[in-house]
Amino acid sequence: LESTDAHDGMTSRKKWRMQWNDAGTQAGLPQALFVKATPDRPDHRVTLAVLHMDELEANFYRSMQPELPQLAPRAFHAESYPGGRHLILLEDLETQGCTPFWAKDHCGMDHVRAIARALAQLHCRYWESDRLSKDLSWVRPRTRRYGWPWLRDMTHVVRRAFLDTAGDDILPGPLRELLQLWDENSDRVFDYFETLPQTVLHGDCHLGNTFANPDGRAGLFDWQVMFRGNGLRDLAYICMSAMDNEERKANEQDVFDIYNNALGDQGISLDRDQAWNHY
């Protein structure tokens, strides 16, 4: 066993290389793993525990990833425990010929379009499904997620502190007005979006949580903040993170149509003008 790379965020993350005896080799055990485990920092463990983030990801890899094998890495083991403790053993995407992206990367429009198709595939599978009230009831709406009152109050506090301290050089007038408007009305927006058709959302599908398969198809990892909601939320999230402003102005309607048409191919018909407005 050899650790070849390590970095920390909300979880401790390491790459392992393994050497097996003859029995292990003959059994086809993996030669490399990507390991997510309990973080060292107490504040990260508290956040995971309050929001049940580690539990969500373990649930995803145990029950949903087998239904979406092209959209997420394979898991060899996934378990969560009280207090934000967890252990998830994943295939190493790079040894499978995949290309993981970092948030700072420039990915190109082919990957953005592939992500739109991948999101449509995810959303179509669970769109208005009765499973959302049965075996997938653990995928809760945003405002009924574990820890939502704490998360909502904390984000209000942070926004207001930023509004009070940021000068005009950091937060020009129009942006200050927009952030103030959002802070005053975000709860109403969340309530409204929960009246729209619901599906399973990745929840944090910025560019740095995506990868490209060797054939160009896109996939997603880091499923810690999944929730139930309207699929256009995920689409807007990736478009805002994967394209710069000029790319977005030039291409976002094309990306939106790719997503919308992919839904239509699976029998999910959205009014384009209304859906564009929601986006």
C-alpha atoms as a PDB file:
ATOM      1  CA  LEU A   1       0.000   0.000   0.000  1.00  0.00           C
ATOM      2  CA  GLU A   2       1.412   3.388  -1.033  1.00  0.00           C
ATOM      3  CA  SER A   3      -0.110   6.871  -0.793  1.00  0.00           C
ATOM      4  CA  THR A   4       0.624   8.782  -4.001  1.00  0.00           C
ATOM      5  CA  ASP A   5      -1.305  12.012  -3.441  1.00  0.00           C
ATOM      6  CA  ALA A   6      -3.215  13.692  -0.614  1.00  0.00           C
ATOM      7  CA  HIS A   7      -5.213  16.871  -0.071  1.00  0.00           C
ATOM      8  CA  ASP A   8      -7.859  18.017   2.368  1.00  0.00           C
ATOM      9  CA  GLY A   9     -11.134  19.887   2.151  1.00  0.00           C
ATOM     10  CA  MET A  10     -14.413  18.932   3.751  1.00  0.00           C
ATOM     11  CA  THR A  11     -12.946  15.417   3.728  1.00  0.00           C
ATOM     12  CA  SER A  12      -9.485  13.895   3.882  1.00  0.00           C
ATOM     13  CA  ARG A  13      -8.629  12.700   0.365  1.00  0.00           C
ATOM     14  CA  LYS A  14      -5.832  10.341  -0.614  1.00  0.00           C
ATOM     15  CA  LYS A  15      -4.811   8.254  -3.600  1.00  0.00           C
ATOM     16  CA  TRP A  16      -3.564   4.779  -2.830  1.00  0.00           C
ATOM     17  CA  ARG A  17      -1.601   2.369  -4.995  1.00  0.00           C
ATOM     18  CA  MET A  18      -1.897  -1.285  -4.012  1.00  0.00           C
ATOM     19  CA  GLN A  19       0.182  -4.334  -4.656  1.00  0.00           C
ATOM     20  CA  TRP A  20      -1.620  -7.637  -4.161  1.00  0.00           C
ATOM     21  CA  ASN A  21      -0.500 -11.183  -3.685  1.00  0.00           C
ATOM     22  CA  ASP A  22      -1.366 -13.708  -6.384  1.00  0.00           C
ATOM     23  CA  ALA A  23      -4.847 -14.321  -4.959  1.00  0.00           C
ATOM     24  CA  GLY A  24      -5.651 -10.611  -4.970  1.00  0.00           C
ATOM     25  CA  THR A  25      -4.324 -10.141  -8.472  1.00  0.00           C
ATOM     26  CA  GLN A  26      -6.290 -13.106  -9.791  1.00  0.00           C
ATOM     27  CA  ALA A  27      -9.428 -11.749  -8.122  1.00  0.00           C
ATOM     28  CA  GLY A  28      -9.036  -8.531 -10.106  1.00  0.00           C
ATOM     29  CA  LEU A  29      -8.750  -6.256  -7.072  1.00  0.00           C
ATOM     30  CA  PRO A  30      -8.095  -2.605  -7.964  1.00  0.00           C
ATOM     31  CA  GLN A  31      -4.530  -1.378  -8.363  1.00  0.00           C
ATOM     32  CA  ALA A  32      -5.458   2.182  -7.356  1.00  0.00           C
ATOM     33  CA  LEU A  33      -8.070   3.822  -5.136  1.00  0.00           C
ATOM     34  CA  PHE A  34      -9.250   7.338  -4.377  1.00  0.00           C
ATOM     35  CA  VAL A  35     -10.109   7.428  -0.663  1.00  0.00           C
ATOM     36  CA  LYS A  36     -12.407   9.928   1.072  1.00  0.00           C
ATOM     37  CA  ALA A  37     -12.367   9.786   4.862  1.00  0.00           C
ATOM     38  CA  THR A  38     -13.040  11.735   8.060  1.00  0.00           C
ATOM     39  CA  PRO A  39     -11.330  15.155   8.012  1.00  0.00           C
ATOM     40  CA  ASP A  40      -8.878  16.207  10.710  1.00  0.00           C
ATOM     41  CA  ARG A  41     -10.417  19.629  11.324  1.00  0.00           C
ATOM     42  CA  PRO A  42     -13.145  19.625  14.011  1.00  0.00           C
ATOM     43  CA  ASP A  43     -15.149  22.375  12.275  1.00  0.00           C
ATOM     44  CA  HIS A  44     -15.314  20.297   9.114  1.00  0.00           C
ATOM     45  CA  ARG A  45     -16.489  17.264  11.057  1.00  0.00           C
ATOM     46  CA  VAL A  46     -19.186  19.375  12.732  1.00  0.00           C
ATOM     47  CA  THR A  47     -20.375  20.723   9.367  1.00  0.00           C
ATOM     48  CA  LEU A  48     -20.513  17.223   7.887  1.00  0.00           C
ATOM     49  CA  ALA A  49     -22.456  15.970  10.905  1.00  0.00           C
ATOM     50  CA  VAL A  50     -24.961  18.841  11.069  1.00  0.00           C
ATOM     51  CA  LEU A  51     -25.739  18.692   7.340  1.00  0.00           C
ATOM     52  CA  HIS A  52     -25.404  14.877   7.059  1.00  0.00           C
ATOM     53  CA  MET A  53     -23.100  15.443   4.084  1.00  0.00           C
ATOM     54  CA  ASP A  54     -21.071  12.267   4.559  1.00  0.00           C
ATOM     55  CA  GLU A  55     -24.286  10.267   4.952  1.00  0.00           C
ATOM     56  CA  LEU A  56     -25.669  11.657   1.700  1.00  0.00           C
ATOM     57  CA  GLU A  57     -22.584  10.701  -0.260  1.00  0.00           C
ATOM     58  CA  ALA A  58     -22.385   7.225   1.244  1.00  0.00           C
ATOM     59  CA  ASN A  59     -26.083   6.709   0.453  1.00  0.00           C
ATOM     60  CA  PHE A  60     -25.523   7.835  -3.119  1.00  0.00           C
ATOM     61  CA  TYR A  61     -22.683   5.422  -3.761  1.00  0.00           C
ATOM     62  CA  ARG A  62     -24.504   2.519  -2.149  1.00  0.00           C
ATOM     63  CA  SER A  63     -27.927   2.949  -3.743  1.00  0.00           C
ATOM     64  CA  MET A  64     -27.788   5.289  -6.756  1.00  0.00           C
ATOM     65  CA  GLN A  65     -24.374   5.031  -8.407  1.00  0.00           C
ATOM     66  CA  PRO A  66     -25.086   1.478  -9.630  1.00  0.00           C
ATOM     67  CA  GLU A  67     -28.040   2.969 -11.542  1.00  0.00           C
ATOM     68  CA  LEU A  68     -25.801   5.688 -13.034  1.00  0.00           C
ATOM     69  CA  PRO A  69     -22.533   3.886 -13.782  1.00  0.00           C
ATOM     70  CA  GLN A  70     -21.375   6.340 -16.442  1.00  0.00           C
ATOM     71  CA  LEU A  71     -22.143   9.437 -14.391  1.00  0.00           C
ATOM     72  CA  ALA A  72     -20.144   8.790 -11.226  1.00  0.00           C
ATOM     73  CA  PRO A  73     -17.067   6.812 -10.150  1.00  0.00           C
ATOM     74  CA  ARG A  74     -17.480   3.245  -8.990  1.00  0.00           C
ATOM     75  CA  ALA A  75     -17.380   2.765  -5.212  1.00  0.00           C
ATOM     76  CA  PHE A  76     -15.879  -0.338  -3.634  1.00  0.00           C
ATOM     77  CA  HIS A  77     -17.039   0.654  -0.153  1.00  0.00           C
ATOM     78  CA  ALA A  78     -19.113   3.530   1.249  1.00  0.00           C
ATOM     79  CA  GLU A  79     -20.076   3.960   4.875  1.00  0.00           C
ATOM     80  CA  SER A  80     -20.846   6.856   7.213  1.00  0.00           C
ATOM     81  CA  TYR A  81     -20.911   6.992  10.992  1.00  0.00           C
ATOM     82  CA  PRO A  82     -22.053   9.523  13.637  1.00  0.00           C
ATOM     83  CA  GLY A  83     -20.056  12.706  14.031  1.00  0.00           C
ATOM     84  CA  GLY A  84     -19.165  13.259  10.388  1.00  0.00           C
ATOM     85  CA  ARG A  85     -16.999  10.125  10.243  1.00  0.00           C
ATOM     86  CA  HIS A  86     -16.950   8.209   6.995  1.00  0.00           C
ATOM     87  CA  LEU A  87     -14.923   6.046   4.636  1.00  0.00           C
ATOM     88  CA  ILE A  88     -15.534   5.884   0.872  1.00  0.00           C
ATOM     89  CA  LEU A  89     -13.259   3.880  -1.445  1.00  0.00           C
ATOM     90  CA  LEU A  90     -13.590   4.937  -5.091  1.00  0.00           C
ATOM     91  CA  GLU A  91     -11.942   3.935  -8.313  1.00  0.00           C
ATOM     92  CA  ASP A  92      -9.120   6.262  -9.335  1.00  0.00           C
ATOM     93  CA  LEU A  93     -10.577   8.084 -12.330  1.00  0.00           C
ATOM     94  CA  GLU A  94      -7.222   8.909 -13.866  1.00  0.00           C
ATOM     95  CA  THR A  95      -6.200   5.239 -14.006  1.00  0.00           C
ATOM     96  CA  GLN A  96      -9.443   4.669 -15.959  1.00  0.00           C
ATOM     97  CA  GLY A  97      -8.381   7.212 -18.561  1.00  0.00           C
ATOM     98  CA  CYS A  98     -10.727   9.930 -17.251  1.00  0.00           C
ATOM     99  CA  THR A  99      -9.837  13.609 -16.836  1.00  0.00           C
ATOM    100  CA  PRO A 100     -10.968  15.225 -13.554  1.00  0.00           C
ATOM    101  CA  PHE A 101     -11.261  19.006 -13.587  1.00  0.00           C
ATOM    102  CA  TRP A 102     -10.340  21.571 -10.971  1.00  0.00           C
ATOM    103  CA  ALA A 103     -12.516  24.626 -10.393  1.00  0.00           C
ATOM    104  CA  LYS A 104      -9.844  26.931 -11.862  1.00  0.00           C
ATOM    105  CA  ASP A 105      -9.486  24.936 -15.096  1.00  0.00           C
ATOM    106  CA  HIS A 106     -10.711  26.036 -18.502  1.00  0.00           C
ATOM    107  CA  CYS A 107     -12.606  23.065 -19.885  1.00  0.00           C
ATOM    108  CA  GLY A 108     -13.860  24.153 -23.309  1.00  0.00           C
ATOM    109  CA  MET A 109     -17.407  24.098 -24.607  1.00  0.00           C
ATOM    110  CA  ASP A 110     -17.420  20.413 -25.557  1.00  0.00           C
ATOM    111  CA  HIS A 111     -17.172  19.481 -21.872  1.00  0.00           C
ATOM    112  CA  VAL A 112     -19.835  22.005 -20.845  1.00  0.00           C
ATOM    113  CA  ARG A 113     -22.220  20.502 -23.392  1.00  0.00           C
ATOM    114  CA  ALA A 114     -21.352  17.017 -22.152  1.00  0.00           C
ATOM    115  CA  ILE A 115     -22.154  18.053 -18.586  1.00  0.00           C
ATOM    116  CA  ALA A 116     -25.529  19.384 -19.743  1.00  0.00           C
ATOM    117  CA  ARG A 117     -26.266  15.961 -21.250  1.00  0.00           C
ATOM    118  CA  ALA A 118     -25.077  14.195 -18.102  1.00  0.00           C
ATOM    119  CA  LEU A 119     -27.278  16.366 -15.906  1.00  0.00           C
ATOM    120  CA  ALA A 120     -30.241  15.679 -18.155  1.00  0.00           C
ATOM    121  CA  GLN A 121     -29.571  11.949 -17.822  1.00  0.00           C
ATOM    122  CA  LEU A 122     -29.462  12.229 -14.022  1.00  0.00           C
ATOM    123  CA  HIS A 123     -32.560  14.400 -13.809  1.00  0.00           C
ATOM    124  CA  CYS A 124     -34.608  12.340 -16.269  1.00  0.00           C
ATOM    125  CA  ARG A 125     -34.102   9.157 -14.296  1.00  0.00           C
ATOM    126  CA  TYR A 126     -35.707  10.613 -11.148  1.00  0.00           C
ATOM    127  CA  TRP A 127     -37.978  13.341 -12.588  1.00  0.00           C
ATOM    128  CA  GLU A 128     -41.147  13.458 -10.467  1.00  0.00           C
ATOM    129  CA  SER A 129     -40.464   9.828  -9.499  1.00  0.00           C
ATOM    130  CA  ASP A 130     -42.559   8.235  -6.754  1.00  0.00           C
ATOM    131  CA  ARG A 131     -39.245   6.908  -5.425  1.00  0.00           C
ATOM    132  CA  LEU A 132     -38.614  10.390  -4.020  1.00  0.00           C
ATOM    133  CA  SER A 133     -41.170   9.559  -1.327  1.00  0.00           C
ATOM    134  CA  LYS A 134     -40.045   5.929  -0.989  1.00  0.00           C
ATOM    135  CA  ASP A 135     -36.539   4.480  -1.187  1.00  0.00           C
ATOM    136  CA  LEU A 136     -35.040   7.871  -2.135  1.00  0.00           C
ATOM    137  CA  SER A 137     -36.842   9.865   0.563  1.00  0.00           C
ATOM    138  CA  TRP A 138     -33.420  10.596   2.093  1.00  0.00           C
ATOM    139  CA  VAL A 139     -32.894  13.010  -0.832  1.00  0.00           C
ATOM    140  CA  ARG A 140     -34.767  15.874   0.786  1.00  0.00           C
ATOM    141  CA  PRO A 141     -35.872  19.230  -0.661  1.00  0.00           C
ATOM    142  CA  ARG A 142     -33.473  22.068   0.066  1.00  0.00           C
ATOM    143  CA  THR A 143     -35.569  23.627   2.827  1.00  0.00           C
ATOM    144  CA  ARG A 144     -36.100  20.264   4.549  1.00  0.00           C
ATOM    145  CA  ARG A 145     -32.506  19.101   4.428  1.00  0.00           C
ATOM    146  CA  TYR A 146     -30.847  18.173   7.672  1.00  0.00           C
ATOM    147  CA  GLY A 147     -29.301  21.289   9.178  1.00  0.00           C
ATOM    148  CA  TRP A 148     -31.159  23.699   6.881  1.00  0.00           C
ATOM    149  CA  PRO A 149     -32.095  26.239   9.623  1.00  0.00           C
ATOM    150  CA  TRP A 150     -28.425  26.468  10.635  1.00  0.00           C
ATOM    151  CA  LEU A 151     -27.223  26.732   7.028  1.00  0.00           C
ATOM    152  CA  ARG A 152     -29.843  29.360   6.134  1.00  0.00           C
ATOM    153  CA  ASP A 153     -29.065  31.509   9.182  1.00  0.00           C
ATOM    154  CA  MET A 154     -25.318  31.180   8.710  1.00  0.00           C
ATOM    155  CA  THR A 155     -25.465  32.301   5.076  1.00  0.00           C
ATOM    156  CA  HIS A 156     -27.595  35.319   6.027  1.00  0.00           C
ATOM    157  CA  VAL A 157     -25.043  36.291   8.690  1.00  0.00           C
ATOM    158  CA  VAL A 158     -22.138  35.954   6.260  1.00  0.00           C
ATOM    159  CA  ARG A 159     -23.873  37.945   3.514  1.00  0.00           C
ATOM    160  CA  ARG A 160     -24.781  40.767   5.879  1.00  0.00           C
ATOM    161  CA  ALA A 161     -21.255  40.914   7.273  1.00  0.00           C
ATOM    162  CA  PHE A 162     -19.912  41.135   3.736  1.00  0.00           C
ATOM    163  CA  LEU A 163     -22.388  43.881   2.825  1.00  0.00           C
ATOM    164  CA  ASP A 164     -21.406  45.843   5.944  1.00  0.00           C
ATOM    165  CA  THR A 165     -17.644  45.605   5.456  1.00  0.00           C
ATOM    166  CA  ALA A 166     -16.942  45.427   1.701  1.00  0.00           C
ATOM    167  CA  GLY A 167     -16.023  48.759   0.135  1.00  0.00           C
ATOM    168  CA  ASP A 168     -17.140  49.945  -3.299  1.00  0.00           C
ATOM    169  CA  ASP A 169     -13.813  48.783  -4.759  1.00  0.00           C
ATOM    170  CA  ILE A 170     -14.785  45.213  -3.865  1.00  0.00           C
ATOM    171  CA  LEU A 171     -18.564  45.439  -4.194  1.00  0.00           C
ATOM    172  CA  PRO A 172     -19.716  48.102  -6.677  1.00  0.00           C
ATOM    173  CA  GLY A 173     -23.150  49.657  -6.185  1.00  0.00           C
ATOM    174  CA  PRO A 174     -25.184  47.488  -8.598  1.00  0.00           C
ATOM    175  CA  LEU A 175     -23.691  44.283  -7.171  1.00  0.00           C
ATOM    176  CA  ARG A 176     -24.345  45.499  -3.632  1.00  0.00           C
ATOM    177  CA  GLU A 177     -28.005  46.127  -4.513  1.00  0.00           C
ATOM    178  CA  LEU A 178     -28.280  42.682  -6.135  1.00  0.00           C
ATOM    179  CA  LEU A 179     -26.752  40.889  -3.145  1.00  0.00           C
ATOM    180  CA  GLN A 180     -28.997  42.824  -0.763  1.00  0.00           C
ATOM    181  CA  LEU A 181     -32.047  41.912  -2.863  1.00  0.00           C
ATOM    182  CA  TRP A 182     -31.013  38.255  -2.869  1.00  0.00           C
ATOM    183  CA  ASP A 183     -30.454  38.212   0.884  1.00  0.00           C
ATOM    184  CA  GLU A 184     -33.903  39.666   1.498  1.00  0.00           C
ATOM    185  CA  ASN A 185     -35.708  37.305  -0.892  1.00  0.00           C
ATOM    186  CA  SER A 186     -33.718  34.057  -1.129  1.00  0.00           C
ATOM    187  CA  ASP A 187     -36.126  32.175   1.160  1.00  0.00           C
ATOM    188  CA  ARG A 188     -39.042  33.118  -1.129  1.00  0.00           C
ATOM    189  CA  VAL A 189     -37.077  31.926  -4.166  1.00  0.00           C
ATOM    190  CA  PHE A 190     -36.310  28.583  -2.506  1.00  0.00           C
ATOM    191  CA  ASP A 191     -39.962  28.144  -1.538  1.00  0.00           C
ATOM    192  CA  TYR A 192     -41.072  28.905  -5.096  1.00  0.00           C
ATOM    193  CA  PHE A 193     -38.641  26.478  -6.688  1.00  0.00           C
ATOM    194  CA  GLU A 194     -39.991  23.712  -4.481  1.00  0.00           C
ATOM    195  CA  THR A 195     -43.376  24.124  -6.227  1.00  0.00           C
ATOM    196  CA  LEU A 196     -41.756  23.163  -9.579  1.00  0.00           C
ATOM    197  CA  PRO A 197     -41.225  19.583 -10.825  1.00  0.00           C
ATOM    198  CA  GLN A 198     -38.717  17.831  -8.601  1.00  0.00           C
ATOM    199  CA  THR A 199     -35.840  15.463  -9.283  1.00  0.00           C
ATOM    200  CA  VAL A 200     -32.518  14.481  -7.717  1.00  0.00           C
ATOM    201  CA  LEU A 201     -29.948  17.288  -7.923  1.00  0.00           C
ATOM    202  CA  HIS A 202     -26.204  16.919  -7.604  1.00  0.00           C
ATOM    203  CA  GLY A 203     -26.317  20.200  -5.702  1.00  0.00           C
ATOM    204  CA  ASP A 204     -22.666  21.265  -6.141  1.00  0.00           C
ATOM    205  CA  CYS A 205     -21.960  20.632  -9.825  1.00  0.00           C
ATOM    206  CA  HIS A 206     -19.291  23.280 -10.373  1.00  0.00           C
ATOM    207  CA  LEU A 207     -16.550  22.461 -12.847  1.00  0.00           C
ATOM    208  CA  GLY A 208     -14.233  21.129 -10.122  1.00  0.00           C
ATOM    209  CA  ASN A 209     -16.673  18.315  -9.365  1.00  0.00           C
ATOM    210  CA  THR A 210     -16.800  17.012 -12.941  1.00  0.00           C
ATOM    211  CA  PHE A 211     -14.732  14.705 -15.109  1.00  0.00           C
ATOM    212  CA  ALA A 212     -14.505  13.706 -18.754  1.00  0.00           C
ATOM    213  CA  ASN A 213     -14.626  10.048 -19.769  1.00  0.00           C
ATOM    214  CA  PRO A 214     -12.230   8.908 -22.518  1.00  0.00           C
ATOM    215  CA  ASP A 215     -15.104   9.009 -25.033  1.00  0.00           C
ATOM    216  CA  GLY A 216     -15.953  12.609 -24.086  1.00  0.00           C
ATOM    217  CA  ARG A 217     -19.001  11.882 -21.952  1.00  0.00           C
ATOM    218  CA  ALA A 218     -19.087  13.800 -18.675  1.00  0.00           C
ATOM    219  CA  GLY A 219     -19.485  12.570 -15.126  1.00  0.00           C
ATOM    220  CA  LEU A 220     -19.741  14.021 -11.635  1.00  0.00           C
ATOM    221  CA  PHE A 221     -18.201  13.299  -8.260  1.00  0.00           C
ATOM    222  CA  ASP A 222     -18.455  14.769  -4.736  1.00  0.00           C
ATOM    223  CA  TRP A 223     -22.133  14.025  -3.996  1.00  0.00           C
ATOM    224  CA  GLN A 224     -22.140  15.467  -0.460  1.00  0.00           C
ATOM    225  CA  VAL A 225     -24.759  18.185  -0.944  1.00  0.00           C
ATOM    226  CA  MET A 226     -27.417  16.344  -2.942  1.00  0.00           C
ATOM    227  CA  PHE A 227     -30.974  17.492  -2.547  1.00  0.00           C
ATOM    228  CA  ARG A 228     -34.315  17.349  -4.296  1.00  0.00           C
ATOM    229  CA  GLY A 229     -35.229  20.241  -6.562  1.00  0.00           C
ATOM    230  CA  ASN A 230     -35.765  21.491 -10.100  1.00  0.00           C
ATOM    231  CA  GLY A 231     -33.140  20.406 -12.596  1.00  0.00           C
ATOM    232  CA  LEU A 232     -32.560  23.877 -14.044  1.00  0.00           C
ATOM    233  CA  ARG A 233     -30.831  24.788 -10.804  1.00  0.00           C
ATOM    234  CA  ASP A 234     -28.000  22.311 -11.543  1.00  0.00           C
ATOM    235  CA  LEU A 235     -27.755  23.526 -15.132  1.00  0.00           C
ATOM    236  CA  ALA A 236     -27.395  27.175 -14.097  1.00  0.00           C
ATOM    237  CA  TYR A 237     -24.810  26.163 -11.481  1.00  0.00           C
ATOM    238  CA  ILE A 238     -22.481  24.545 -13.996  1.00  0.00           C
ATOM    239  CA  CYS A 239     -22.935  27.286 -16.589  1.00  0.00           C
ATOM    240  CA  MET A 240     -21.940  29.953 -14.071  1.00  0.00           C
ATOM    241  CA  SER A 241     -18.841  28.029 -12.982  1.00  0.00           C
ATOM    242  CA  ALA A 242     -17.541  26.422 -16.183  1.00  0.00           C
ATOM    243  CA  MET A 243     -17.770  29.369 -18.602  1.00  0.00           C
ATOM    244  CA  ASP A 244     -16.346  32.849 -18.368  1.00  0.00           C
ATOM    245  CA  ASN A 245     -18.716  35.741 -19.055  1.00  0.00           C
ATOM    246  CA  GLU A 246     -17.989  35.954 -22.787  1.00  0.00           C
ATOM    247  CA  GLU A 247     -18.357  32.193 -23.271  1.00  0.00           C
ATOM    248  CA  ARG A 248     -21.581  32.199 -21.311  1.00  0.00           C
ATOM    249  CA  LYS A 249     -23.125  35.057 -23.296  1.00  0.00           C
ATOM    250  CA  ALA A 250     -22.217  33.331 -26.550  1.00  0.00           C
ATOM    251  CA  ASN A 251     -23.126  29.744 -25.635  1.00  0.00           C
ATOM    252  CA  GLU A 252     -25.556  29.434 -22.737  1.00  0.00           C
ATOM    253  CA  GLN A 253     -28.704  29.268 -24.861  1.00  0.00           C
ATOM    254  CA  ASP A 254     -27.124  26.453 -26.868  1.00  0.00           C
ATOM    255  CA  VAL A 255     -26.225  24.595 -23.652  1.00  0.00           C
ATOM    256  CA  PHE A 256     -29.733  25.205 -22.305  1.00  0.00           C
ATOM    257  CA  ASP A 257     -31.270  23.784 -25.503  1.00  0.00           C
ATOM    258  CA  ILE A 258     -29.047  20.691 -25.323  1.00  0.00           C
ATOM    259  CA  TYR A 259     -30.322  20.058 -21.802  1.00  0.00           C
ATOM    260  CA  ASN A 260     -33.948  20.856 -22.655  1.00  0.00           C
ATOM    261  CA  ASN A 261     -33.888  18.671 -25.787  1.00  0.00           C
ATOM    262  CA  ALA A 262     -32.341  15.783 -23.861  1.00  0.00           C
ATOM    263  CA  LEU A 263     -35.248  15.979 -21.412  1.00  0.00           C
ATOM    264  CA  GLY A 264     -37.666  15.987 -24.341  1.00  0.00           C
ATOM    265  CA  ASP A 265     -36.055  12.874 -25.790  1.00  0.00           C
ATOM    266  CA  GLN A 266     -37.056  11.115 -22.538  1.00  0.00           C
ATOM    267  CA  GLY A 267     -40.631  12.397 -22.662  1.00  0.00           C
ATOM    268  CA  ILE A 268     -40.177  15.346 -20.279  1.00  0.00           C
ATOM    269  CA  SER A 269     -41.598  18.394 -22.005  1.00  0.00           C
ATOM    270  CA  LEU A 270     -40.848  21.872 -20.648  1.00  0.00           C
ATOM    271  CA  ASP A 271     -42.251  25.106 -21.992  1.00  0.00           C
ATOM    272  CA  ARG A 272     -39.055  26.632 -23.373  1.00  0.00           C
ATOM    273  CA  ASP A 273     -39.800  30.259 -22.510  1.00  0.00           C
ATOM    274  CA  GLN A 274     -40.876  29.421 -18.964  1.00  0.00           C
ATOM    275  CA  ALA A 275     -37.915  27.090 -18.471  1.00  0.00           C
ATOM    276  CA  TRP A 276     -35.514  29.719 -19.800  1.00  0.00           C
ATOM    277  CA  ASN A 277     -36.965  32.225 -17.360  1.00  0.00           C
ATOM    278  CA  HIS A 278     -36.472  29.794 -14.494  1.00  0.00           C
ATOM    279  CA  TYR A 279     -32.916  29.149 -15.639  1.00  0.00           C
END
